[in-house]
Amino acid sequence: MKITSEQFGITPAGDEVCLFSLTNNQGTEVKTTNYGGIITAINVPDREGKIDDVVLGHDTLERYLNRSRYFGAVVGRYANRIARGRFTLNGDSYSLATNNGANHLHGGLKGFDKVVWEVRELSDGLQITYLSKDREEGYPGNVRVTVNYSLTQANELRIEYLATTDKETIINLTNHSYFNLAGSGTILGYELMLNADAFTPVDKGLIPTGEIRSVANTPMDFTSGAVIGARIGDSYEQLRLAGGYDHNFVLRAGTEQLKQAATIYEPKSGRVMEVFTTQPGMQFYSGNFLDGSIVGKGGTAYIKHSGCCFEPQHYPDSPNHPDFPSTVLKPGEQFEQTTVFKFSVA
């Protein structure tokens, strides 16, 4: 695999930001930057061999600084939402920044998506590291996070997350790429299969109610495959609350630690993306809050449903739901998470 780098810009604080390109022998290219660990581009062939960029984003660092929408970024310390920005751990109460109405979203006002990471080239990819200090955005513990990006000859983008702490804390990490497998248009005609028999319903603030509900006989059922836009406008309460799909799906437990979570097929280009993860859940977001006000690469205005996100993670607001899988990380332990995005054609 070939790795190249170039300067991408300078932050207002004077930190240099670089853009790294990982290219395999198939002509697939992944571009990422040490600002926010952002994946700025994924260039893959369609069934005719035509290369297109299949993720949304910006052409310049300045745009990511000012109009990010988390495009392609590592999000943490806690991906997704925490109700009212509050949780209790070992009898101590913690208050986090509230940056999504009354709630905490994707790590707060300055989450992992808005910091400059240390970077090191590896033989098969790139490694970025960040030290999140005690009480940063309100979280306890000094947490060291490492993210490894690698690109295989089988067109697999592998993302490995590692974290340690010196004080008991909570952690939930993921990548927030918006995918558009056609390279343009909306995602409503894509065929989606999710290996999830249940999901976590939300209230009007998109906070889980605590229920784990079966997808059977609802528009949330993608177990046998369905077109994303076929039922997105149904009167089902959960779709109305979110303006589409913006829900955590409870993935089927498998014998393999790295299990298949989803398969997405774009019929015009023939591109297929499979998602594999070690996590218990995955947020499927259909780009409901994109409204055309953000202009991205090549001057493209990102309208509603221009891209969709598949974010393997723990369940939202888990610290406030003891019945959900735990997101607690203790000293002496290591948080580990792996996500694989595999690209092919059909």
Protein backbone atom coordinates (compact mmCIF):
# COMPACT_ATOMS: atom_id res chain seq x y z
CA MET A 1 0.00 0.00 0.00
CA LYS A 2 1.15 3.49 -0.85
CA ILE A 3 0.98 6.32 1.72
CA THR A 4 1.49 9.98 0.79
CA SER A 5 0.94 13.21 2.70
CA GLU A 6 0.55 16.91 2.05
CA GLN A 7 -0.22 20.01 4.08
CA PHE A 8 -3.94 20.60 4.53
CA GLY A 9 -3.81 23.86 6.47
CA ILE A 10 -3.15 25.55 9.80
CA THR A 11 -5.65 25.79 12.66
CA PRO A 12 -6.39 29.14 14.34
CA ALA A 13 -4.20 27.91 17.22
CA GLY A 14 -1.28 27.48 14.82
CA ASP A 15 -1.31 23.65 14.61
CA GLU A 16 -0.27 22.15 11.30
CA VAL A 17 -2.80 19.80 9.73
CA CYS A 18 -1.81 17.22 7.13
CA LEU A 19 -3.82 15.19 4.63
CA PHE A 20 -2.77 11.55 4.20
CA SER A 21 -3.68 9.30 1.27
CA LEU A 22 -3.77 5.50 1.54
CA THR A 23 -3.91 3.77 -1.86
CA ASN A 24 -4.02 0.03 -2.59
CA ASN A 25 -3.27 -1.92 -5.77
CA GLN A 26 -6.95 -1.88 -6.76
CA GLY A 27 -6.93 1.90 -7.17
CA THR A 28 -9.00 2.46 -4.03
CA GLU A 29 -7.92 5.53 -2.08
CA VAL A 30 -8.75 6.72 1.42
CA LYS A 31 -7.84 10.24 2.50
CA THR A 32 -7.71 11.20 6.15
CA THR A 33 -6.41 14.09 8.21
CA ASN A 34 -5.04 14.47 11.72
CA TYR A 35 -7.65 17.16 12.44
CA GLY A 36 -10.48 15.19 14.02
CA GLY A 37 -9.23 11.99 12.43
CA ILE A 38 -11.50 13.00 9.57
CA ILE A 39 -11.89 10.73 6.56
CA THR A 40 -12.15 13.36 3.83
CA ALA A 41 -12.52 11.02 0.84
CA ILE A 42 -12.99 7.38 -0.11
CA ASN A 43 -12.46 6.83 -3.83
CA VAL A 44 -13.69 3.44 -5.06
CA PRO A 45 -14.62 1.98 -8.47
CA ASP A 46 -18.13 1.20 -9.67
CA ARG A 47 -19.09 -1.86 -11.74
CA GLU A 48 -17.65 -0.19 -14.86
CA GLY A 49 -14.40 0.71 -13.12
CA LYS A 50 -15.27 4.41 -12.78
CA ILE A 51 -13.80 5.92 -9.60
CA ASP A 52 -15.99 8.15 -7.44
CA ASP A 53 -15.67 9.67 -3.99
CA VAL A 54 -18.35 8.03 -1.85
CA VAL A 55 -18.28 10.19 1.30
CA LEU A 56 -19.49 13.74 1.91
CA GLY A 57 -17.11 16.41 3.15
CA HIS A 58 -15.18 19.54 2.28
CA ASP A 59 -12.30 20.54 0.04
CA THR A 60 -10.53 22.70 2.63
CA LEU A 61 -9.64 22.61 6.32
CA GLU A 62 -11.39 25.94 6.84
CA ARG A 63 -14.73 24.38 5.90
CA TYR A 64 -14.23 21.55 8.38
CA LEU A 65 -13.38 24.10 11.07
CA ASN A 66 -16.56 26.09 10.51
CA ARG A 67 -19.22 23.77 9.04
CA SER A 68 -18.22 20.29 10.11
CA ARG A 69 -21.50 18.38 10.76
CA TYR A 70 -19.03 15.70 11.95
CA PHE A 71 -18.32 14.75 8.32
CA GLY A 72 -15.97 11.73 8.43
CA ALA A 73 -14.70 12.43 11.95
CA VAL A 74 -13.82 10.35 14.98
CA VAL A 75 -16.48 11.23 17.55
CA GLY A 76 -15.99 10.91 21.29
CA ARG A 77 -15.42 10.83 24.20
CA TYR A 78 -18.99 9.64 23.96
CA ALA A 79 -20.51 9.19 20.50
CA ASN A 80 -24.21 9.96 20.19
CA ARG A 81 -26.36 11.53 22.93
CA ILE A 82 -26.35 11.68 26.72
CA ALA A 83 -29.59 13.00 28.21
CA ARG A 84 -29.30 16.48 29.77
CA GLY A 85 -25.51 16.08 29.66
CA ARG A 86 -25.54 14.25 32.99
CA PHE A 87 -24.58 10.85 34.32
CA THR A 88 -23.58 9.27 37.62
CA LEU A 89 -20.56 7.02 38.10
CA ASN A 90 -19.60 5.43 41.43
CA GLY A 91 -21.95 7.82 43.23
CA ASP A 92 -20.38 10.92 41.69
CA SER A 93 -22.45 13.11 39.36
CA TYR A 94 -20.91 14.57 36.22
CA SER A 95 -22.18 17.43 34.07
CA LEU A 96 -21.16 17.61 30.41
CA ALA A 97 -21.54 20.34 27.82
CA THR A 98 -25.03 20.49 26.32
CA ASN A 99 -24.61 21.14 22.61
CA ASN A 100 -27.75 19.50 21.20
CA GLY A 101 -30.64 21.31 22.79
CA ALA A 102 -30.71 20.16 26.40
CA ASN A 103 -28.53 17.14 25.62
CA HIS A 104 -24.88 16.25 25.10
CA LEU A 105 -23.91 15.09 21.60
CA HIS A 106 -20.74 13.49 20.19
CA GLY A 107 -18.36 14.58 22.95
CA GLY A 108 -19.55 18.14 23.47
CA LEU A 109 -18.49 21.58 22.29
CA LYS A 110 -14.95 20.43 21.48
CA GLY A 111 -15.08 16.69 21.02
CA PHE A 112 -12.53 14.45 19.35
CA ASP A 113 -13.72 15.70 15.96
CA LYS A 114 -12.31 19.19 16.70
CA VAL A 115 -8.81 18.43 18.00
CA VAL A 116 -5.46 17.88 16.28
CA TRP A 117 -4.19 14.34 16.81
CA GLU A 118 -0.59 13.13 16.87
CA VAL A 119 0.08 11.04 13.79
CA ARG A 120 2.41 8.20 12.85
CA GLU A 121 2.66 6.25 9.61
CA LEU A 122 2.45 2.45 9.89
CA SER A 123 3.49 -0.19 7.39
CA ASP A 124 -0.15 -0.79 6.45
CA GLY A 125 -1.78 2.52 7.29
CA LEU A 126 -1.92 5.40 9.71
CA GLN A 127 -2.09 5.78 13.48
CA ILE A 128 -3.44 8.83 15.30
CA THR A 129 -3.25 9.42 19.05
CA TYR A 130 -4.88 11.91 21.40
CA LEU A 131 -4.71 12.49 25.17
CA SER A 132 -8.06 13.67 26.50
CA LYS A 133 -7.34 15.25 29.87
CA ASP A 134 -9.28 14.80 33.09
CA ARG A 135 -12.56 16.81 33.06
CA GLU A 136 -12.21 17.72 29.38
CA GLU A 137 -15.79 18.54 28.33
CA GLY A 138 -16.72 17.37 31.85
CA TYR A 139 -15.53 13.75 31.58
CA PRO A 140 -13.47 12.14 34.37
CA GLY A 141 -10.02 10.65 33.80
CA ASN A 142 -7.03 11.20 31.58
CA VAL A 143 -7.87 9.04 28.57
CA ARG A 144 -5.36 8.16 25.86
CA VAL A 145 -7.02 7.21 22.58
CA THR A 146 -5.39 5.56 19.57
CA VAL A 147 -7.07 5.05 16.21
CA ASN A 148 -5.49 2.94 13.46
CA TYR A 149 -6.59 3.24 9.83
CA SER A 150 -5.58 0.57 7.34
CA LEU A 151 -6.63 -0.23 3.77
CA THR A 152 -6.41 -3.82 2.52
CA GLN A 153 -6.04 -5.14 -1.02
CA ALA A 154 -9.60 -6.46 -0.65
CA ASN A 155 -10.88 -2.87 -0.50
CA GLU A 156 -11.51 -3.00 3.24
CA LEU A 157 -11.07 0.15 5.30
CA ARG A 158 -10.29 -1.10 8.79
CA ILE A 159 -10.58 1.27 11.77
CA GLU A 160 -9.31 0.09 15.15
CA TYR A 161 -9.93 2.12 18.32
CA LEU A 162 -7.97 1.65 21.56
CA ALA A 163 -8.27 3.64 24.80
CA THR A 164 -6.96 3.54 28.37
CA THR A 165 -7.74 5.69 31.41
CA ASP A 166 -6.26 6.54 34.82
CA LYS A 167 -9.70 7.02 36.40
CA GLU A 168 -13.00 5.23 35.92
CA THR A 169 -14.85 6.92 33.07
CA ILE A 170 -17.24 6.27 30.17
CA ILE A 171 -16.30 5.95 26.53
CA ASN A 172 -18.05 5.34 23.21
CA LEU A 173 -16.17 5.91 19.95
CA THR A 174 -17.17 5.71 16.30
CA ASN A 175 -16.62 7.22 12.86
CA HIS A 176 -19.18 9.65 11.46
CA SER A 177 -18.72 9.34 7.70
CA TYR A 178 -21.70 10.22 5.50
CA PHE A 179 -21.79 7.74 2.61
CA ASN A 180 -23.14 8.35 -0.87
CA LEU A 181 -22.25 5.27 -2.90
CA ALA A 182 -23.37 6.84 -6.20
CA GLY A 183 -21.15 9.87 -5.65
CA SER A 184 -24.17 12.21 -6.08
CA GLY A 185 -27.93 12.37 -5.57
CA THR A 186 -29.71 11.00 -2.51
CA ILE A 187 -29.54 7.71 -0.68
CA LEU A 188 -33.28 6.97 -0.83
CA GLY A 189 -32.97 4.35 -3.58
CA TYR A 190 -30.28 2.30 -1.84
CA GLU A 191 -31.05 -1.24 -0.74
CA LEU A 192 -30.15 -1.82 2.90
CA MET A 193 -29.88 -4.97 4.98
CA LEU A 194 -29.35 -4.65 8.75
CA ASN A 195 -28.51 -7.61 10.98
CA ALA A 196 -30.71 -6.23 13.74
CA ASP A 197 -33.93 -7.68 15.11
CA ALA A 198 -34.50 -4.76 17.50
CA PHE A 199 -33.79 -1.07 18.00
CA THR A 200 -33.87 1.46 20.83
CA PRO A 201 -36.87 3.83 20.42
CA VAL A 202 -36.31 7.53 21.18
CA ASP A 203 -38.25 10.50 22.53
CA LYS A 204 -38.60 13.85 20.77
CA GLY A 205 -35.03 14.77 21.84
CA LEU A 206 -33.77 11.55 20.18
CA ILE A 207 -32.86 10.13 23.61
CA PRO A 208 -33.58 6.40 24.11
CA THR A 209 -36.65 5.71 26.20
CA GLY A 210 -34.98 2.61 27.67
CA GLU A 211 -37.14 0.21 25.69
CA ILE A 212 -35.65 -2.33 23.31
CA ARG A 213 -38.29 -2.87 20.62
CA SER A 214 -38.59 -5.51 17.92
CA VAL A 215 -38.34 -4.24 14.34
CA ALA A 216 -40.93 -6.81 13.21
CA ASN A 217 -43.92 -5.34 11.35
CA THR A 218 -42.45 -1.82 11.45
CA PRO A 219 -40.60 0.37 8.91
CA MET A 220 -37.47 -0.28 11.01
CA ASP A 221 -37.23 -3.84 9.69
CA PHE A 222 -34.29 -4.22 7.29
CA THR A 223 -33.51 -7.82 8.25
CA SER A 224 -34.41 -9.13 4.79
CA GLY A 225 -33.33 -6.00 2.93
CA ALA A 226 -35.43 -3.01 1.90
CA VAL A 227 -35.07 0.23 -0.05
CA ILE A 228 -34.21 3.05 2.37
CA GLY A 229 -36.77 5.47 0.93
CA ALA A 230 -39.61 2.97 0.59
CA ARG A 231 -41.04 3.59 4.09
CA ILE A 232 -39.12 6.64 5.31
CA GLY A 233 -42.23 8.83 4.96
CA ASP A 234 -44.54 6.48 6.84
CA SER A 235 -46.55 7.81 9.76
CA TYR A 236 -44.71 5.53 12.19
CA GLU A 237 -44.05 7.57 15.32
CA GLN A 238 -40.30 6.89 15.45
CA LEU A 239 -39.80 8.11 11.87
CA ARG A 240 -41.82 11.26 12.58
CA LEU A 241 -39.78 12.06 15.70
CA ALA A 242 -36.46 11.77 13.85
CA GLY A 243 -37.54 13.07 10.46
CA GLY A 244 -36.42 9.72 9.02
CA TYR A 245 -34.01 7.12 10.34
CA ASP A 246 -31.75 8.23 13.20
CA HIS A 247 -31.80 5.23 15.50
CA ASN A 248 -29.54 2.76 17.25
CA PHE A 249 -30.10 -0.76 15.99
CA VAL A 250 -29.38 -3.69 18.32
CA LEU A 251 -27.11 -5.97 16.34
CA ARG A 252 -27.54 -9.71 16.38
CA ALA A 253 -25.02 -11.48 18.57
CA GLY A 254 -22.77 -13.79 16.60
CA THR A 255 -20.09 -16.35 17.29
CA GLU A 256 -17.50 -14.09 15.65
CA GLN A 257 -16.34 -11.04 17.56
CA LEU A 258 -16.23 -9.04 14.31
CA LYS A 259 -19.76 -9.47 13.00
CA GLN A 260 -21.52 -8.20 9.91
CA ALA A 261 -23.83 -5.32 10.78
CA ALA A 262 -25.07 -4.09 7.40
CA THR A 263 -24.93 -4.42 3.63
CA ILE A 264 -25.74 -1.42 1.44
CA TYR A 265 -26.26 -1.71 -2.34
CA GLU A 266 -26.50 1.23 -4.76
CA PRO A 267 -28.12 -0.21 -7.91
CA LYS A 268 -27.03 2.38 -10.50
CA SER A 269 -23.29 2.19 -9.79
CA GLY A 270 -23.38 -1.39 -8.53
CA ARG A 271 -21.35 -0.41 -5.49
CA VAL A 272 -21.77 -2.48 -2.37
CA MET A 273 -20.58 -1.55 1.12
CA GLU A 274 -20.54 -4.06 3.96
CA VAL A 275 -20.10 -2.94 7.56
CA PHE A 276 -18.51 -5.20 10.18
CA THR A 277 -18.09 -4.34 13.85
CA THR A 278 -17.28 -5.61 17.32
CA GLN A 279 -19.87 -3.28 18.88
CA PRO A 280 -23.34 -4.21 20.19
CA GLY A 281 -25.18 -1.48 18.28
CA MET A 282 -25.08 0.69 15.19
CA GLN A 283 -26.66 4.07 14.57
CA PHE A 284 -28.26 4.30 11.13
CA TYR A 285 -28.81 7.94 10.17
CA SER A 286 -30.42 8.90 6.86
CA GLY A 287 -29.12 12.48 6.68
CA ASN A 288 -32.38 14.03 7.88
CA PHE A 289 -30.85 17.29 9.10
CA LEU A 290 -28.97 18.09 5.90
CA ASP A 291 -30.93 20.95 4.34
CA GLY A 292 -28.82 22.35 1.50
CA SER A 293 -27.27 25.08 3.63
CA ILE A 294 -23.89 23.33 3.74
CA VAL A 295 -21.88 23.47 0.53
CA GLY A 296 -19.37 20.65 0.30
CA LYS A 297 -16.86 19.29 -2.18
CA GLY A 298 -16.92 20.81 -5.63
CA GLY A 299 -19.57 23.33 -4.61
CA THR A 300 -22.22 20.65 -4.01
CA ALA A 301 -25.04 21.68 -1.69
CA TYR A 302 -25.85 18.79 0.62
CA ILE A 303 -29.62 18.46 0.59
CA LYS A 304 -31.72 16.21 2.82
CA HIS A 305 -30.73 12.55 2.46
CA SER A 306 -27.57 13.39 0.48
CA GLY A 307 -25.70 10.86 2.59
CA CYS A 308 -26.28 8.24 5.27
CA CYS A 309 -24.23 7.23 8.29
CA PHE A 310 -23.54 3.79 9.71
CA GLU A 311 -21.97 4.33 13.13
CA PRO A 312 -21.04 1.15 15.03
CA GLN A 313 -21.11 2.00 18.73
CA HIS A 314 -22.67 1.34 22.11
CA TYR A 315 -26.23 2.44 22.67
CA PRO A 316 -26.94 6.17 23.10
CA ASP A 317 -27.32 7.40 26.70
CA SER A 318 -26.06 4.08 28.07
CA PRO A 319 -24.66 5.64 31.29
CA ASN A 320 -28.25 6.48 32.27
CA HIS A 321 -29.67 3.06 31.38
CA PRO A 322 -28.22 0.29 33.58
CA ASP A 323 -29.90 -2.38 31.40
CA PHE A 324 -27.90 -1.30 28.34
CA PRO A 325 -24.40 -2.75 27.73
CA SER A 326 -21.90 -0.88 29.90
CA THR A 327 -19.67 1.87 28.51
CA VAL A 328 -17.54 2.12 31.67
CA LEU A 329 -13.76 1.99 31.25
CA LYS A 330 -11.63 1.33 34.34
CA PRO A 331 -7.92 1.85 35.02
CA GLY A 332 -5.94 -1.20 33.95
CA GLU A 333 -8.48 -2.06 31.25
CA GLN A 334 -8.31 -1.30 27.54
CA PHE A 335 -11.24 -0.21 25.41
CA GLU A 336 -11.09 -1.92 22.01
CA GLN A 337 -13.37 -1.46 19.03
CA THR A 338 -12.97 -2.45 15.39
CA THR A 339 -15.03 -1.35 12.40
CA VAL A 340 -14.54 -2.51 8.80
CA PHE A 341 -16.09 -0.89 5.74
CA LYS A 342 -15.70 -3.29 2.80
CA PHE A 343 -16.34 -2.08 -0.75
CA SER A 344 -17.18 -4.23 -3.78
CA VAL A 345 -19.52 -4.23 -6.81
CA ALA A 346 -22.50 -6.31 -7.90
